[in-house]
């Protein structure tokens, strides 16, 4: 029985041949989800590599290599291309993302792959396409990341504004910043001292 470990070993062998190609995203690595069973009892996996994200279907009774075929899954119809390997046997590939430059972190790519597989196996009355499912999930996670970044930027901006306000010189006439900080005004105030009867300039 083919397991996720076998599939990862298959793609890791391909990784050494792909690493010098322009489509290779060095921020990512090979990942394979656990298998889920399709309504026809095919084994379906979600695979992440530095150059693509695929659904991988295992079943001995698939069409000949190179042929495309449609598979009915709970969320809709999905198109696969048949292939064969001595280690995996007959398998089908459905491309979800290629290349993978939209993903900057391995954890995000894995989350999207697992979520996509879950969504694909859920019944959907609207029967949306696999590409749309992936776009919706990726957009949702991107919005979360952007929202977190916006909050951090806002906090930094507020801190900078507060620091700048503390350095701003007051525009009040006759008041210097240094005197203000010392609690004194530079402008003289003239008044009559009731006790001494002297007309004094008092600096407050």
Protein backbone atom coordinates (compact mmCIF):
# COMPACT_ATOMS: atom_id res chain seq x y z
CA UNK A 1 0.00 0.00 0.00
CA UNK A 2 1.38 3.40 -1.02
CA UNK A 3 1.66 5.88 1.86
CA UNK A 4 2.34 9.60 2.17
CA UNK A 5 5.97 8.71 3.02
CA UNK A 6 6.33 6.94 -0.34
CA UNK A 7 4.89 9.96 -2.14
CA UNK A 8 7.20 12.37 -0.33
CA UNK A 9 10.20 10.19 -1.24
CA UNK A 10 9.07 10.26 -4.88
CA UNK A 11 8.91 14.06 -4.95
CA UNK A 12 12.10 14.50 -2.96
CA UNK A 13 13.94 12.62 -5.70
CA UNK A 14 12.45 15.04 -8.23
CA UNK A 15 13.41 17.97 -6.00
CA UNK A 16 17.13 17.47 -6.67
CA UNK A 17 16.44 17.86 -10.41
CA UNK A 18 14.16 20.86 -10.07
CA UNK A 19 16.19 23.03 -7.66
CA UNK A 20 18.07 24.91 -10.42
CA UNK A 21 14.97 25.77 -12.47
CA UNK A 22 13.35 29.25 -12.43
CA UNK A 23 10.05 27.85 -11.10
CA UNK A 24 11.72 26.55 -7.93
CA UNK A 25 10.77 28.43 -4.75
CA UNK A 26 13.57 27.81 -2.19
CA UNK A 27 11.32 28.90 0.69
CA UNK A 28 9.31 25.70 0.29
CA UNK A 29 9.93 21.97 0.68
CA UNK A 30 8.15 18.70 -0.12
CA UNK A 31 5.01 17.89 1.87
CA UNK A 32 2.25 15.31 1.45
CA UNK A 33 -1.01 15.14 3.37
CA UNK A 34 -2.62 12.00 4.71
CA UNK A 35 -4.82 10.14 2.24
CA UNK A 36 -8.56 10.61 1.99
CA UNK A 37 -10.86 8.17 0.20
CA UNK A 38 -12.90 9.41 -2.76
CA UNK A 39 -16.47 8.16 -3.35
CA UNK A 40 -14.97 5.60 -5.77
CA UNK A 41 -12.44 4.53 -3.13
CA UNK A 42 -9.46 6.16 -4.80
CA UNK A 43 -6.74 7.42 -2.44
CA UNK A 44 -6.39 11.18 -2.76
CA UNK A 45 -3.50 13.26 -1.38
CA UNK A 46 -2.53 16.95 -1.40
CA UNK A 47 1.12 17.50 -2.32
CA UNK A 48 3.26 20.62 -1.85
CA UNK A 49 6.62 21.06 -3.57
CA UNK A 50 8.80 24.12 -4.25
CA UNK A 51 7.46 24.23 -7.82
CA UNK A 52 3.81 23.07 -7.59
CA UNK A 53 0.82 22.11 -5.45
CA UNK A 54 -1.10 19.08 -6.71
CA UNK A 55 -3.83 16.66 -5.90
CA UNK A 56 -2.42 13.16 -6.35
CA UNK A 57 -4.80 10.28 -7.00
CA UNK A 58 -3.78 6.65 -6.58
CA UNK A 59 -5.70 3.81 -8.21
CA UNK A 60 -4.57 0.89 -10.35
CA UNK A 61 -7.43 1.28 -12.84
CA UNK A 62 -6.61 4.76 -14.15
CA UNK A 63 -6.32 5.61 -17.87
CA UNK A 64 -3.06 5.29 -19.79
CA UNK A 65 -0.17 7.66 -19.11
CA UNK A 66 -0.65 11.13 -20.56
CA UNK A 67 -4.42 10.87 -20.85
CA UNK A 68 -6.66 13.31 -19.04
CA UNK A 69 -9.80 12.24 -17.22
CA UNK A 70 -12.50 13.88 -15.13
CA UNK A 71 -13.20 12.68 -11.63
CA UNK A 72 -16.38 13.45 -9.71
CA UNK A 73 -15.59 14.55 -6.17
CA UNK A 74 -18.09 15.83 -3.59
CA UNK A 75 -17.43 19.49 -4.43
CA UNK A 76 -17.47 19.09 -8.22
CA UNK A 77 -15.65 17.72 -11.26
CA UNK A 78 -11.85 17.74 -11.30
CA UNK A 79 -9.54 17.07 -14.23
CA UNK A 80 -6.53 14.81 -13.74
CA UNK A 81 -3.67 13.69 -15.98
CA UNK A 82 -2.66 10.03 -15.71
CA UNK A 83 0.94 8.99 -15.14
CA UNK A 84 2.88 5.99 -13.86
CA UNK A 85 5.95 5.33 -11.74
CA UNK A 86 7.65 2.11 -10.71
CA UNK A 87 7.36 3.06 -7.04
CA UNK A 88 3.88 4.63 -7.02
CA UNK A 89 2.23 2.64 -9.79
CA UNK A 90 -0.56 4.34 -11.77
CA UNK A 91 -1.49 7.78 -10.47
CA UNK A 92 -3.27 10.95 -11.54
CA UNK A 93 -2.25 14.59 -11.04
CA UNK A 94 -4.53 17.63 -10.71
CA UNK A 95 -2.59 20.89 -10.63
CA UNK A 96 -3.70 23.46 -8.05
CA UNK A 97 -0.80 25.95 -8.12
CA UNK A 98 2.25 26.21 -10.35
CA UNK A 99 4.65 27.87 -9.86
CA UNK A 100 4.55 28.54 -6.12
CA UNK A 101 5.73 32.15 -5.86
CA UNK A 102 2.47 33.12 -4.14
CA UNK A 103 3.67 31.30 -1.02
CA UNK A 104 6.39 32.81 1.14
CA UNK A 105 6.23 30.26 3.97
CA UNK A 106 6.04 26.46 4.11
CA UNK A 107 3.42 26.53 6.85
CA UNK A 108 1.04 28.63 4.72
CA UNK A 109 1.44 26.32 1.71
CA UNK A 110 0.75 23.25 3.85
CA UNK A 111 -2.30 24.86 5.46
CA UNK A 112 -3.73 25.80 2.06
CA UNK A 113 -3.12 22.29 0.68
CA UNK A 114 -4.79 20.58 3.64
CA UNK A 115 -7.71 23.02 3.65
CA UNK A 116 -8.17 22.61 -0.09
CA UNK A 117 -8.32 18.84 0.23
CA UNK A 118 -10.89 19.20 2.99
CA UNK A 119 -13.03 21.61 0.95
CA UNK A 120 -12.82 19.43 -2.15
CA UNK A 121 -14.18 16.47 -0.20
CA UNK A 122 -17.17 18.47 1.09
CA UNK A 123 -20.41 18.53 -0.88
CA UNK A 124 -21.12 21.87 -2.48
CA UNK A 125 -24.40 22.62 -4.17
CA UNK A 126 -22.73 25.27 -6.31
CA UNK A 127 -20.02 22.81 -7.44
CA UNK A 128 -17.23 25.39 -7.69
CA UNK A 129 -13.97 24.57 -9.46
CA UNK A 130 -10.85 23.39 -7.65
CA UNK A 131 -9.01 26.54 -8.74
CA UNK A 132 -11.65 28.77 -7.21
CA UNK A 133 -11.54 26.80 -3.97
CA UNK A 134 -7.81 27.33 -3.75
CA UNK A 135 -8.05 31.01 -4.62
CA UNK A 136 -10.67 31.57 -1.92
CA UNK A 137 -8.62 29.78 0.72
CA UNK A 138 -5.38 31.53 -0.25
CA UNK A 139 -7.12 34.91 -0.28
CA UNK A 140 -8.59 34.25 3.16
CA UNK A 141 -5.20 33.41 4.64
CA UNK A 142 -3.53 36.32 2.85
CA UNK A 143 -6.11 38.72 4.31
CA UNK A 144 -5.36 37.40 7.80
CA UNK A 145 -1.62 37.93 7.31
CA UNK A 146 -2.17 41.42 5.84
CA UNK A 147 -4.45 42.38 8.71
CA UNK A 148 -1.80 41.36 11.22
CA UNK A 149 0.82 43.35 9.31
CA UNK A 150 -1.48 46.40 9.18
CA UNK A 151 -1.97 46.32 12.93
CA UNK A 152 1.78 46.16 13.46
CA UNK A 153 2.34 49.06 11.01
CA UNK A 154 -0.35 51.13 12.75
CA UNK A 155 1.26 50.54 16.13
CA UNK A 156 4.66 51.58 14.77
CA UNK A 157 3.18 54.69 13.13
CA UNK A 158 1.45 55.67 16.36
CA UNK A 159 4.67 55.23 18.32
CA UNK A 160 6.59 57.38 15.83
CA UNK A 161 3.90 60.08 15.92
CA UNK A 162 4.00 60.14 19.71
CA UNK A 163 7.77 60.44 19.72
CA UNK A 164 7.62 63.25 17.15
CA UNK A 165 4.98 65.14 19.15
CA UNK A 166 7.23 65.13 22.19
CA UNK A 167 9.95 66.83 20.14
CA UNK A 168 7.70 69.46 18.55
CA UNK A 169 8.39 73.06 19.59
CA UNK A 170 5.31 74.94 20.76
CA UNK A 171 4.16 77.82 18.55
CA UNK A 172 2.82 79.97 21.39
CA UNK A 173 4.39 83.48 21.15
CA UNK A 174 6.83 84.33 23.85
CA UNK A 175 7.21 80.74 25.05
CA UNK A 176 10.38 78.81 24.37
CA UNK A 177 10.43 75.02 24.46
CA UNK A 178 13.29 74.97 26.96
CA UNK A 179 11.52 77.42 29.27
CA UNK A 180 8.26 75.52 28.90
CA UNK A 181 9.97 72.26 29.87
CA UNK A 182 11.42 74.03 32.93
CA UNK A 183 8.00 75.37 33.87
CA UNK A 184 8.93 79.00 33.09
CA UNK A 185 7.80 81.53 30.49
CA UNK A 186 10.21 83.78 28.68
CA UNK A 187 7.68 86.62 28.37
CA UNK A 188 7.84 89.05 31.37
CA UNK A 189 4.68 89.87 33.33
CA UNK A 190 4.49 93.30 34.93
CA UNK A 191 2.48 93.70 38.10
CA UNK A 192 2.25 95.61 41.38
CA UNK A 193 3.39 93.85 44.56
CA UNK A 194 0.62 94.68 47.07
CA UNK A 195 2.89 94.11 50.06
CA UNK A 196 5.97 96.07 48.95
CA UNK A 197 4.26 98.54 46.69
CA UNK A 198 6.98 97.96 44.10
CA UNK A 199 6.28 97.78 40.41
CA UNK A 200 8.15 94.57 39.57
CA UNK A 201 8.75 92.45 36.53
CA UNK A 202 7.96 88.96 37.57
CA UNK A 203 9.28 86.03 35.59
CA UNK A 204 6.99 83.06 36.10
